[in-house]
Amino acid sequence: MVGRAGPPYRLRQEEEEASHDTGGRRALESTDIAAAVVQKAQKDVSNVSGNLEVEMNWTNSRFRVMPGLAFVAAGLLAWPATASAQTVSGSASAVRASVLGATTVLAGTGPLADAQDLREASQDAGSIFSFGGADVLHAATGSSITAWDPSDYVSSEASLADMGVTVAGNAVSAGFVMARALAPVGGTPVGASEIDGLAVNGVPVSVTGEPNQTVWLLGGRVIINEQTPSSTGTTVNALHVIVDGVADLVFASASAGADPGSTAAPPPPPILPPLPRLF
């Protein structure tokens, strides 16, 4: 009876070992499944984090780009425009008198309207308030500009004869007075005057022809061949009588100017910093 107990015992042992192996395999399979689940969860979390980071980077970059675009727009708006316009100026008058705030003009052309304008004024005789007068007053101004080349110019001229005035006890007279102004396109403006038979308080005055020759009066002065040049033109007053606080008298005044404008090319646009990268 004792010898028969061997096989059933081995059978149970084999069943127990088989059961143990099956449980172990199941445990391993459970462990592998759990590990796979954890790994997938970590991967999903990583993908979500990456998407969030990309979205945040895009948002931040977009905010960084916006000031950059605004700076570019500001730079382009600040880029200077092209060349300046072409303009002419010209006027002439035989007499312009200002006395105690009141002003009168004899034989005055007024200013040129444009590069095709011509103006003229004349008067046989004219009185200058109660100071005196002059005869044969004439003034003209005009532009010959057609193509704005060096042969074009603006010119003005004014003249009068037999002039005589007495201001605050100062007597000034002349047989003939004339002023001329010329402004060539792209050239140097020039002015000149001609005065014959000038006398101040009965004393003849030698006219030198130099600009702004001055003869002093009692409380004033006489400026001969008065010239006021500018970069594009000039003004010539043949005879300028000034008695301080009383009268300001200009005999034969001519002005001319021609501004061809700036032909230089505008500077290049500003160099702007590179825009920030989006990622």
Protein backbone atom coordinates (compact mmCIF):
# COMPACT_ATOMS: atom_id res chain seq x y z
CA MET A 1 0.00 0.00 0.00
CA VAL A 2 2.88 2.31 0.78
CA GLY A 3 4.49 1.75 -2.62
CA ARG A 4 1.32 3.00 -4.44
CA ALA A 5 1.49 6.47 -2.90
CA GLY A 6 4.30 7.60 -5.25
CA PRO A 7 2.39 8.36 -8.48
CA PRO A 8 -0.47 10.38 -6.95
CA TYR A 9 2.06 12.49 -5.09
CA ARG A 10 4.07 13.20 -8.22
CA LEU A 11 0.85 14.02 -10.04
CA ARG A 12 -0.12 16.58 -7.44
CA GLN A 13 3.42 18.05 -7.50
CA GLU A 14 3.31 18.37 -11.24
CA GLU A 15 -0.12 20.00 -11.04
CA GLU A 16 1.16 22.43 -8.41
CA GLU A 17 4.23 23.29 -10.53
CA ALA A 18 2.06 23.77 -13.60
CA SER A 19 -0.29 26.00 -11.61
CA HIS A 20 2.71 27.99 -10.31
CA ASP A 21 4.07 28.47 -13.85
CA THR A 22 0.70 29.62 -15.14
CA GLY A 23 0.33 32.13 -12.26
CA GLY A 24 3.83 33.42 -12.90
CA ARG A 25 3.16 33.90 -16.56
CA ARG A 26 -0.06 35.70 -15.77
CA ALA A 27 1.76 37.93 -13.29
CA LEU A 28 4.39 38.77 -15.89
CA GLU A 29 1.73 39.48 -18.47
CA SER A 30 -0.09 41.77 -16.00
CA THR A 31 3.16 43.56 -15.24
CA ASP A 32 3.89 44.05 -18.96
CA ILE A 33 0.39 45.38 -19.56
CA ALA A 34 0.71 47.81 -16.63
CA ALA A 35 4.10 48.98 -17.91
CA ALA A 36 2.68 49.51 -21.38
CA VAL A 37 -0.23 51.52 -19.97
CA VAL A 38 2.15 53.69 -17.95
CA GLN A 39 4.41 54.22 -20.96
CA LYS A 40 1.46 55.26 -23.16
CA ALA A 41 0.20 57.64 -20.47
CA GLN A 42 3.66 59.24 -20.24
CA LYS A 43 3.78 59.59 -24.02
CA ASP A 44 0.34 61.24 -24.07
CA VAL A 45 1.39 63.65 -21.34
CA SER A 46 4.58 64.47 -23.29
CA ASN A 47 2.57 65.14 -26.45
CA VAL A 48 0.15 67.42 -24.58
CA SER A 49 3.06 69.32 -23.00
CA GLY A 50 4.72 69.70 -26.39
CA ASN A 51 1.54 71.01 -27.95
CA LEU A 52 1.11 73.48 -25.11
CA GLU A 53 4.72 74.63 -25.48
CA VAL A 54 4.35 75.09 -29.25
CA GLU A 55 1.15 77.06 -28.76
CA MET A 56 2.79 79.23 -26.12
CA ASN A 57 5.85 79.80 -28.32
CA TRP A 58 3.59 80.77 -31.24
CA THR A 59 1.63 83.17 -29.06
CA ASN A 60 4.78 84.74 -27.60
CA SER A 61 6.38 85.00 -31.04
CA ARG A 62 3.25 86.60 -32.43
CA PHE A 63 3.40 89.24 -29.71
CA ARG A 64 7.10 89.76 -30.45
CA VAL A 65 6.40 90.15 -34.16
CA MET A 66 3.67 92.75 -33.71
CA PRO A 67 6.02 95.49 -32.32
CA GLY A 68 8.49 94.58 -35.05
CA LEU A 69 5.88 95.11 -37.76
CA ALA A 70 4.87 98.39 -36.16
CA PHE A 71 8.51 99.50 -36.19
CA VAL A 72 8.82 98.57 -39.88
CA ALA A 73 5.70 100.57 -40.72
CA ALA A 74 6.98 103.57 -38.77
CA GLY A 75 10.32 103.39 -40.57
CA LEU A 76 8.70 103.32 -44.00
CA LEU A 77 6.42 106.23 -43.12
CA ALA A 78 9.47 108.22 -41.99
CA TRP A 79 11.22 107.65 -45.35
CA PRO A 80 11.48 111.10 -46.91
CA ALA A 81 9.56 112.03 -50.01
CA THR A 82 11.01 113.00 -53.39
CA ALA A 83 12.38 116.31 -54.64
CA SER A 84 10.90 119.74 -53.79
CA ALA A 85 8.77 121.78 -56.20
CA GLN A 86 10.07 124.32 -58.73
CA THR A 87 9.06 127.93 -57.99
CA VAL A 88 9.60 131.43 -59.36
CA SER A 89 9.32 134.85 -57.70
CA GLY A 90 9.42 138.35 -59.14
CA SER A 91 8.03 141.83 -58.56
CA ALA A 92 8.88 145.45 -59.28
CA SER A 93 7.70 148.93 -58.27
CA ALA A 94 8.73 152.47 -59.14
CA VAL A 95 7.91 153.83 -55.67
CA ARG A 96 6.98 152.18 -52.35
CA ALA A 97 6.43 154.62 -49.49
CA SER A 98 5.54 153.95 -45.86
CA VAL A 99 4.71 156.92 -43.67
CA LEU A 100 3.50 156.55 -40.07
CA GLY A 101 2.00 153.11 -40.76
CA ALA A 102 0.40 154.02 -44.12
CA THR A 103 1.88 152.48 -47.30
CA THR A 104 1.45 153.46 -50.95
CA VAL A 105 2.86 151.91 -54.12
CA LEU A 106 3.27 153.70 -57.46
CA ALA A 107 3.61 151.65 -60.66
CA GLY A 108 3.75 148.29 -58.89
CA THR A 109 3.51 144.95 -60.72
CA GLY A 110 2.64 142.69 -57.82
CA PRO A 111 4.21 139.20 -57.57
CA LEU A 112 4.54 136.68 -60.41
CA ALA A 113 1.88 133.96 -60.37
CA ASP A 114 3.90 131.22 -62.10
CA ALA A 115 6.76 130.50 -64.52
CA GLN A 116 4.72 131.74 -67.53
CA ASP A 117 3.66 135.07 -65.98
CA LEU A 118 4.60 138.56 -67.26
CA ARG A 119 3.58 141.77 -65.48
CA GLU A 120 4.00 145.48 -66.20
CA ALA A 121 2.89 148.76 -64.62
CA SER A 122 3.44 152.38 -65.60
CA GLN A 123 2.41 155.87 -64.55
CA ASP A 124 3.13 159.23 -66.13
CA ALA A 125 3.54 161.01 -62.81
CA GLY A 126 2.88 160.38 -59.15
CA SER A 127 3.01 162.17 -55.82
CA ILE A 128 4.43 160.64 -52.66
CA PHE A 129 2.15 161.84 -49.86
CA SER A 130 3.15 165.47 -49.17
CA PHE A 131 6.87 164.81 -49.61
CA GLY A 132 7.18 165.28 -53.36
CA GLY A 133 6.87 163.13 -56.46
CA ALA A 134 8.35 161.67 -59.65
CA ASP A 135 7.64 161.35 -63.37
CA VAL A 136 7.65 158.55 -65.96
CA LEU A 137 7.26 155.69 -63.54
CA HIS A 138 7.60 152.19 -64.97
CA ALA A 139 7.97 148.61 -63.65
CA ALA A 140 8.04 145.15 -65.23
CA THR A 141 8.71 141.57 -64.17
CA GLY A 142 8.54 138.27 -66.01
CA SER A 143 9.74 134.72 -66.39
CA SER A 144 11.24 133.14 -69.52
CA ILE A 145 11.31 129.68 -67.96
CA THR A 146 10.03 126.89 -70.21
CA ALA A 147 12.20 123.82 -69.53
CA TRP A 148 14.08 124.86 -66.38
CA ASP A 149 17.42 124.70 -68.17
CA PRO A 150 20.38 127.12 -67.65
CA SER A 151 19.18 129.45 -70.41
CA ASP A 152 15.93 130.21 -68.54
CA TYR A 153 15.64 133.09 -66.07
CA VAL A 154 13.39 135.51 -64.16
CA SER A 155 14.02 139.25 -64.49
CA SER A 156 12.56 142.47 -63.07
CA GLU A 157 13.13 146.17 -63.70
CA ALA A 158 11.85 149.48 -62.30
CA SER A 159 12.64 153.08 -63.18
CA LEU A 160 11.52 156.71 -62.73
CA ALA A 161 12.68 160.23 -63.63
CA ASP A 162 12.81 163.70 -62.10
CA MET A 163 12.41 162.48 -58.52
CA GLY A 164 12.44 164.94 -55.62
CA VAL A 165 11.29 164.59 -51.97
CA THR A 166 11.81 166.44 -48.72
CA VAL A 167 11.40 164.45 -45.49
CA ALA A 168 11.90 166.02 -42.02
CA GLY A 169 14.10 168.74 -43.48
CA ASN A 170 16.16 166.34 -45.64
CA ALA A 171 15.97 166.90 -49.41
CA VAL A 172 16.81 164.09 -51.85
CA SER A 173 16.61 164.38 -55.65
CA ALA A 174 17.77 162.55 -58.79
CA GLY A 175 17.33 162.94 -62.55
CA PHE A 176 16.99 159.21 -63.26
CA VAL A 177 16.73 156.08 -61.05
CA MET A 178 16.59 152.46 -62.20
CA ALA A 179 16.98 148.99 -60.63
CA ARG A 180 17.37 145.57 -62.27
CA ALA A 181 17.35 142.00 -60.90
CA LEU A 182 18.10 138.78 -62.76
CA ALA A 183 17.80 135.19 -61.48
CA PRO A 184 18.98 132.49 -63.92
CA VAL A 185 17.97 128.86 -63.39
CA GLY A 186 20.78 127.10 -61.58
CA GLY A 187 22.98 130.22 -61.73
CA THR A 188 23.96 133.08 -59.40
CA PRO A 189 21.36 135.88 -59.08
CA VAL A 190 22.63 139.35 -59.98
CA GLY A 191 21.37 142.87 -59.33
CA ALA A 192 22.34 146.35 -60.47
CA SER A 193 21.15 149.93 -60.30
CA GLU A 194 21.66 153.19 -62.17
CA ILE A 195 21.26 156.63 -60.63
CA ASP A 196 21.97 159.92 -62.38
CA GLY A 197 22.14 163.40 -60.85
CA LEU A 198 21.77 162.32 -57.21
CA ALA A 199 21.87 165.13 -54.64
CA VAL A 200 21.30 165.11 -50.88
CA ASN A 201 20.44 168.46 -49.24
CA GLY A 202 21.68 170.23 -52.36
CA VAL A 203 25.06 168.44 -52.37
CA PRO A 204 25.87 166.17 -55.36
CA VAL A 205 26.60 162.57 -54.43
CA SER A 206 29.05 160.43 -56.39
CA VAL A 207 27.51 157.00 -56.92
CA THR A 208 30.19 154.31 -56.67
CA GLY A 209 28.10 151.37 -57.88
CA GLU A 210 29.03 149.32 -54.81
CA PRO A 211 26.15 147.60 -53.03
CA ASN A 212 24.70 149.39 -50.00
CA GLN A 213 26.53 152.70 -50.34
CA THR A 214 25.24 154.90 -47.49
CA VAL A 215 24.84 158.67 -47.13
CA TRP A 216 23.80 159.89 -43.69
CA LEU A 217 20.92 162.27 -43.09
CA LEU A 218 19.70 164.20 -40.08
CA GLY A 219 17.91 161.40 -38.18
CA GLY A 220 18.20 158.97 -41.08
CA ARG A 221 20.16 157.72 -44.09
CA VAL A 222 20.07 157.14 -47.83
CA ILE A 223 21.12 153.68 -49.03
CA ILE A 224 22.26 153.56 -52.67
CA ASN A 225 22.13 150.33 -54.68
CA GLU A 226 20.71 148.39 -51.73
CA GLN A 227 20.95 144.64 -52.46
CA THR A 228 19.52 141.70 -50.52
CA PRO A 229 20.60 138.41 -52.13
CA SER A 230 19.31 134.93 -51.30
CA SER A 231 20.18 131.40 -52.44
CA THR A 232 17.69 131.53 -55.33
CA GLY A 233 17.21 135.25 -56.05
CA THR A 234 17.93 138.86 -55.17
CA THR A 235 16.20 142.19 -54.41
CA VAL A 236 17.61 145.54 -55.53
CA ASN A 237 16.45 148.93 -54.25
CA ALA A 238 18.13 151.64 -56.31
CA LEU A 239 17.48 154.35 -53.72
CA HIS A 240 16.23 153.82 -50.16
CA VAL A 241 15.50 156.90 -48.06
CA ILE A 242 14.93 156.27 -44.34
CA VAL A 243 14.06 158.90 -41.73
CA ASP A 244 13.67 157.06 -38.44
CA GLY A 245 10.17 157.16 -37.02
CA VAL A 246 8.86 159.26 -39.92
CA ALA A 247 9.16 157.71 -43.39
CA ASP A 248 10.57 154.76 -45.34
CA LEU A 249 10.75 155.51 -49.10
CA VAL A 250 12.02 153.07 -51.75
CA PHE A 251 12.64 154.31 -55.32
CA ALA A 252 12.98 151.74 -58.12
CA SER A 253 12.75 148.30 -56.52
CA ALA A 254 13.16 145.01 -58.43
CA SER A 255 13.28 141.41 -57.21
CA ALA A 256 13.69 138.09 -59.04
CA GLY A 257 14.07 134.46 -57.99
CA ALA A 258 14.09 131.01 -59.59
CA ASP A 259 14.19 127.86 -57.50
CA PRO A 260 14.65 124.73 -59.66
CA GLY A 261 13.91 122.50 -56.68
CA SER A 262 15.97 119.66 -55.37
CA THR A 263 16.90 117.08 -57.99
CA ALA A 264 18.87 114.84 -55.65
CA ALA A 265 17.54 111.31 -55.20
CA PRO A 266 16.00 110.61 -51.79
CA PRO A 267 18.11 108.56 -49.38
CA PRO A 268 17.58 104.80 -49.22
CA PRO A 269 15.01 103.42 -46.77
CA PRO A 270 16.18 102.88 -43.20
CA ILE A 271 17.86 99.60 -42.30
CA LEU A 272 15.49 97.80 -39.96
CA PRO A 273 16.33 95.01 -37.49
CA PRO A 274 15.30 91.44 -38.43
CA LEU A 275 11.96 90.24 -37.18
CA PRO A 276 12.00 87.65 -34.35
CA ARG A 277 11.67 83.99 -35.28
CA LEU A 278 8.28 82.42 -34.77
CA PHE A 279 9.72 79.22 -33.24
